[in-house]
Amino acid sequence: METIEYAVSQGVGTLTLNRPKRKNAIDAVMRKELGDLIATMPNQRDLRALVITGAGSTFCAGGDISAMGEATLSAQEGRERMRFDYLSWIETLLRLEVPVIAAVEGAAYGAGFSLALTADIVLAAPDSRFCLSFMRLGLVPDCAVLYTLPRIVGVQRAKELAFSARELNAQQAYELGIVLEVTPQGRTLERAQQMANCLAQAAPAALAMTKRAFNVSLNSSLDAMMDIESSAQAVARTTQWHMDAVQRFLTKQPPAFQWPKALD
């Protein structure tokens, strides 16, 4: 692959956007490579957690603006490109049944911000900057951020961030709930992989069902969520992972799953 790197080690996949000279901006080649790779992820049985990061000093500067004026598309062609060349793999990421962690250093602008929000957990270095820069180009926020962002910050704040196209630093993003942790500078990927390694050892069925339940919860009724909970818990209780965990508790062994402490 020309523009991305991907490797899986002990159940943890690391996807690196690899156009550092272009601040990891998404061009047509990267768009296709991301689509082809991410389409395979639901069938990767060895994948237990995924980390997304950017090479160099930038997470992702968004779409490659230098390529935006190369071809004039009709509205229909533009809609189809958005739906099939972008949103198909964005949707796959959002529905992926393993935890996804975004390790952000430097800029996460435009589609880069949107990409970060496909993750279940966003970690950011102190130098990180987040911006829905679409309005600066007369564009609508895309890559599913119209869905993800209001669920994190609320509709009014999401509108303000989109309308203003203002920049957030790491601390501001943390205070809005966009970022889970601000990590020591230069160690965001390390922290992300530490979390991912931990999650790769968690109960895979329970983790998958928990993620799916949370993903649908804001669009569901109480009755529907209680049904999901009841069915999921019944399945979880039949797994070997659960039975082994109970046995470890009864024999006073340390638990197999323990969340890692924050980096110093």
Protein backbone atom coordinates (compact mmCIF):
# COMPACT_ATOMS: atom_id res chain seq x y z
CA MET A 1 0.00 0.00 0.00
CA GLU A 2 1.27 3.45 -0.92
CA THR A 3 -0.46 5.71 1.60
CA ILE A 4 -1.27 3.60 4.66
CA GLU A 5 0.40 0.95 6.78
CA TYR A 6 -1.35 -1.85 8.64
CA ALA A 7 -0.11 -4.58 10.94
CA VAL A 8 -1.69 -6.88 13.53
CA SER A 9 0.25 -8.03 16.56
CA GLN A 10 -1.25 -10.12 19.37
CA GLY A 11 -4.76 -9.16 18.35
CA VAL A 12 -4.08 -5.41 18.03
CA GLY A 13 -4.28 -3.86 14.57
CA THR A 14 -2.44 -0.59 13.97
CA LEU A 15 -3.59 1.46 10.98
CA THR A 16 -1.24 4.32 10.14
CA LEU A 17 -2.07 7.07 7.66
CA ASN A 18 1.25 7.42 5.88
CA ARG A 19 1.50 10.61 3.82
CA PRO A 20 3.49 12.69 6.33
CA LYS A 21 4.75 15.13 3.69
CA ARG A 22 1.11 15.96 2.92
CA LYS A 23 0.09 15.92 6.61
CA ASN A 24 -1.66 12.60 5.95
CA ALA A 25 -4.31 14.32 3.85
CA ILE A 26 -6.72 11.87 2.23
CA ASP A 27 -6.33 11.71 -1.54
CA ALA A 28 -7.93 9.30 -4.03
CA VAL A 29 -5.26 6.65 -3.48
CA MET A 30 -5.57 6.73 0.31
CA ARG A 31 -9.35 6.74 0.04
CA LYS A 32 -9.27 3.54 -2.01
CA GLU A 33 -6.64 1.87 0.14
CA LEU A 34 -8.59 2.65 3.31
CA GLY A 35 -11.77 1.32 1.73
CA ASP A 36 -10.14 -1.90 0.56
CA LEU A 37 -8.45 -2.56 3.90
CA ILE A 38 -11.30 -1.63 6.23
CA ALA A 39 -13.74 -3.77 4.22
CA THR A 40 -11.73 -6.82 5.33
CA MET A 41 -11.68 -5.98 9.04
CA PRO A 42 -15.05 -7.50 10.08
CA ASN A 43 -13.72 -10.84 8.80
CA GLN A 44 -10.32 -10.64 10.51
CA ARG A 45 -10.83 -13.16 13.29
CA ASP A 46 -7.48 -12.39 14.87
CA LEU A 47 -8.39 -8.71 15.28
CA ARG A 48 -9.37 -7.82 18.86
CA ALA A 49 -8.71 -4.05 18.90
CA LEU A 50 -7.77 -1.38 16.38
CA VAL A 51 -5.58 1.71 16.75
CA ILE A 52 -5.70 4.49 14.14
CA THR A 53 -2.85 6.99 13.98
CA GLY A 54 -0.91 9.20 11.59
CA ALA A 55 2.72 9.11 10.55
CA GLY A 56 4.88 12.09 11.42
CA SER A 57 3.60 15.05 13.39
CA THR A 58 0.01 15.14 12.08
CA PHE A 59 -2.94 12.79 12.55
CA CYS A 60 -4.80 13.83 9.40
CA ALA A 61 -5.25 17.23 7.78
CA GLY A 62 -8.50 16.12 6.12
CA GLY A 63 -9.16 15.82 2.41
CA ASP A 64 -6.30 16.71 0.07
CA ILE A 65 -7.35 20.19 -1.07
CA SER A 66 -4.79 20.22 -3.87
CA ALA A 67 -6.79 17.49 -5.61
CA MET A 68 -10.22 19.02 -5.10
CA GLY A 69 -10.15 21.17 -8.22
CA GLU A 70 -8.85 18.47 -10.57
CA ALA A 71 -12.24 17.18 -11.71
CA THR A 72 -15.70 18.69 -11.82
CA LEU A 73 -18.36 16.20 -10.79
CA SER A 74 -22.09 16.47 -11.20
CA ALA A 75 -24.14 16.51 -8.01
CA GLN A 76 -25.12 12.90 -8.61
CA GLU A 77 -21.52 11.82 -9.23
CA GLY A 78 -20.39 13.68 -6.12
CA ARG A 79 -23.08 12.04 -4.02
CA GLU A 80 -22.12 8.59 -5.27
CA ARG A 81 -18.43 9.24 -4.61
CA MET A 82 -19.20 10.34 -1.07
CA ARG A 83 -21.50 7.41 -0.38
CA PHE A 84 -19.41 4.64 -1.91
CA ASP A 85 -15.82 5.91 -1.72
CA TYR A 86 -15.98 7.37 1.80
CA LEU A 87 -19.07 6.49 3.79
CA SER A 88 -18.95 2.78 3.02
CA TRP A 89 -15.71 2.31 4.97
CA ILE A 90 -16.59 4.95 7.56
CA GLU A 91 -19.75 2.97 8.29
CA THR A 92 -17.72 -0.24 8.56
CA LEU A 93 -15.45 1.41 11.12
CA LEU A 94 -18.41 2.64 13.15
CA ARG A 95 -19.99 -0.82 13.14
CA LEU A 96 -16.76 -2.73 13.79
CA GLU A 97 -17.33 -5.07 16.73
CA VAL A 98 -13.89 -4.52 18.24
CA PRO A 99 -12.87 -1.38 20.14
CA VAL A 100 -11.27 1.34 18.03
CA ILE A 101 -8.83 3.87 19.50
CA ALA A 102 -7.64 7.03 17.72
CA ALA A 103 -4.17 8.27 18.71
CA VAL A 104 -4.08 11.94 17.69
CA GLU A 105 -0.98 14.11 17.61
CA GLY A 106 -0.96 17.38 15.70
CA ALA A 107 -3.87 18.37 13.50
CA ALA A 108 -7.12 16.47 13.06
CA TYR A 109 -8.86 18.74 10.56
CA GLY A 110 -11.94 18.24 8.42
CA ALA A 111 -12.26 14.57 7.50
CA GLY A 112 -9.37 13.90 9.89
CA PHE A 113 -11.55 15.11 12.77
CA SER A 114 -14.39 12.98 11.42
CA LEU A 115 -12.12 9.94 11.18
CA ALA A 116 -11.01 10.35 14.79
CA LEU A 117 -14.67 10.35 15.88
CA THR A 118 -15.25 6.92 14.34
CA ALA A 119 -13.19 5.63 17.26
CA ASP A 120 -14.65 4.50 20.57
CA ILE A 121 -11.81 6.23 22.40
CA VAL A 122 -9.89 9.33 21.27
CA LEU A 123 -6.51 10.09 22.84
CA ALA A 124 -4.68 13.33 22.11
CA ALA A 125 -1.26 14.82 22.71
CA PRO A 126 -1.05 18.34 24.16
CA ASP A 127 -0.20 19.73 20.70
CA SER A 128 -3.31 18.27 19.08
CA ARG A 129 -5.76 20.54 17.25
CA PHE A 130 -9.26 19.62 16.16
CA CYS A 131 -11.25 21.58 13.61
CA LEU A 132 -14.36 21.05 11.51
CA SER A 133 -12.82 23.13 8.75
CA PHE A 134 -15.46 22.33 6.09
CA MET A 135 -17.20 25.73 6.29
CA ARG A 136 -13.94 27.44 5.32
CA LEU A 137 -14.27 25.69 1.94
CA GLY A 138 -18.02 26.09 1.64
CA LEU A 139 -18.59 22.40 2.31
CA VAL A 140 -20.87 20.34 4.54
CA PRO A 141 -19.19 18.36 7.35
CA ASP A 142 -18.82 14.78 6.17
CA CYS A 143 -17.49 11.30 6.95
CA ALA A 144 -20.39 10.75 9.38
CA VAL A 145 -19.47 13.61 11.72
CA LEU A 146 -23.07 14.87 11.46
CA TYR A 147 -23.95 11.62 13.25
CA THR A 148 -21.03 11.18 15.65
CA LEU A 149 -20.33 14.69 16.93
CA PRO A 150 -23.79 15.67 18.30
CA ARG A 151 -23.88 12.37 20.19
CA ILE A 152 -20.72 13.44 22.00
CA VAL A 153 -21.11 17.18 22.53
CA GLY A 154 -24.84 17.76 21.95
CA VAL A 155 -26.59 19.31 18.95
CA GLN A 156 -26.08 22.99 19.84
CA ARG A 157 -22.33 22.66 20.41
CA ALA A 158 -21.96 20.50 17.29
CA LYS A 159 -23.67 23.22 15.23
CA GLU A 160 -21.40 25.88 16.71
CA LEU A 161 -18.25 23.88 15.90
CA ALA A 162 -19.47 23.31 12.33
CA PHE A 163 -20.72 26.87 11.74
CA SER A 164 -17.62 28.57 13.17
CA ALA A 165 -14.97 26.14 11.89
CA ARG A 166 -12.99 27.16 14.95
CA GLU A 167 -10.03 25.21 16.24
CA LEU A 168 -10.01 23.28 19.51
CA ASN A 169 -6.83 22.49 21.38
CA ALA A 170 -6.42 19.18 23.21
CA GLN A 171 -7.64 20.52 26.56
CA GLN A 172 -10.74 22.10 25.02
CA ALA A 173 -11.51 18.85 23.17
CA TYR A 174 -11.09 16.99 26.46
CA GLU A 175 -13.48 19.34 28.26
CA LEU A 176 -16.11 18.80 25.55
CA GLY A 177 -15.80 15.02 25.86
CA ILE A 178 -14.29 14.59 22.39
CA VAL A 179 -11.01 13.38 23.88
CA LEU A 180 -10.88 10.81 26.67
CA GLU A 181 -7.31 11.52 27.76
CA VAL A 182 -4.62 14.07 27.02
CA THR A 183 -1.44 12.02 26.99
CA PRO A 184 2.19 13.05 27.45
CA GLN A 185 3.60 14.55 24.26
CA GLY A 186 4.96 11.96 21.86
CA ARG A 187 3.40 9.03 23.76
CA THR A 188 -0.15 9.01 22.42
CA LEU A 189 0.40 5.95 20.25
CA GLU A 190 2.07 4.18 23.18
CA ARG A 191 -0.96 4.84 25.38
CA ALA A 192 -3.36 3.79 22.63
CA GLN A 193 -1.51 0.51 22.13
CA GLN A 194 -1.40 -0.04 25.89
CA MET A 195 -5.19 0.28 26.03
CA ALA A 196 -5.64 -1.82 22.89
CA ASN A 197 -3.43 -4.60 24.24
CA CYS A 198 -5.57 -4.65 27.37
CA LEU A 199 -8.83 -4.72 25.41
CA ALA A 200 -7.46 -7.49 23.18
CA GLN A 201 -7.41 -9.68 26.29
CA ALA A 202 -10.99 -8.84 27.32
CA ALA A 203 -13.97 -11.11 26.72
CA PRO A 204 -14.51 -10.74 22.95
CA ALA A 205 -18.22 -11.63 22.94
CA ALA A 206 -19.06 -9.37 25.88
CA LEU A 207 -17.03 -6.52 24.39
CA ALA A 208 -18.66 -6.84 20.96
CA MET A 209 -22.19 -6.98 22.37
CA THR A 210 -21.52 -4.05 24.71
CA LYS A 211 -20.24 -1.90 21.84
CA ARG A 212 -23.19 -2.78 19.61
CA ALA A 213 -25.65 -2.02 22.40
CA PHE A 214 -24.16 1.41 23.10
CA ASN A 215 -24.08 2.19 19.37
CA VAL A 216 -27.85 1.76 19.07
CA SER A 217 -28.84 3.04 22.50
CA LEU A 218 -29.49 6.68 21.55
CA ASN A 219 -31.85 5.58 18.78
CA SER A 220 -33.68 2.98 20.87
CA SER A 221 -36.38 2.82 23.50
CA LEU A 222 -35.98 1.62 27.06
CA ASP A 223 -37.88 -1.55 26.19
CA ALA A 224 -35.61 -2.27 23.24
CA MET A 225 -32.45 -1.70 25.26
CA MET A 226 -33.66 -3.96 28.08
CA ASP A 227 -34.34 -6.68 25.51
CA ILE A 228 -30.85 -6.25 24.06
CA GLU A 229 -29.32 -6.32 27.52
CA SER A 230 -31.18 -9.45 28.55
CA SER A 231 -30.27 -11.37 25.41
CA ALA A 232 -26.64 -10.22 25.41
CA GLN A 233 -26.15 -11.10 29.06
CA ALA A 234 -27.62 -14.56 28.50
CA VAL A 235 -25.08 -15.16 25.74
CA ALA A 236 -22.17 -13.71 27.76
CA ARG A 237 -22.89 -16.03 30.68
CA THR A 238 -22.42 -19.07 28.42
CA THR A 239 -18.90 -18.11 27.27
CA GLN A 240 -15.78 -19.85 28.48
CA TRP A 241 -14.23 -16.45 29.22
CA HIS A 242 -16.94 -15.71 31.79
CA MET A 243 -16.71 -19.15 33.39
CA ASP A 244 -12.93 -18.88 33.68
CA ALA A 245 -13.24 -15.40 35.21
CA VAL A 246 -15.67 -16.69 37.86
CA GLN A 247 -13.29 -19.53 38.66
CA ARG A 248 -10.38 -17.10 39.03
CA PHE A 249 -12.46 -15.04 41.46
CA LEU A 250 -13.48 -18.07 43.54
CA THR A 251 -9.88 -19.30 43.79
CA LYS A 252 -8.65 -15.77 44.66
CA GLN A 253 -6.53 -15.38 41.54
CA PRO A 254 -6.01 -11.92 40.05
CA PRO A 255 -8.52 -11.02 37.33
CA ALA A 256 -7.50 -11.67 33.74
CA PHE A 257 -8.69 -8.19 32.71
CA GLN A 258 -7.38 -5.03 34.38
CA TRP A 259 -7.42 -1.55 32.83
CA PRO A 260 -3.91 -0.08 32.52
CA LYS A 261 -2.93 2.94 34.59
CA ALA A 262 -2.32 6.23 32.81
CA LEU A 263 1.21 6.99 31.63
CA ASP A 264 3.38 9.06 33.93
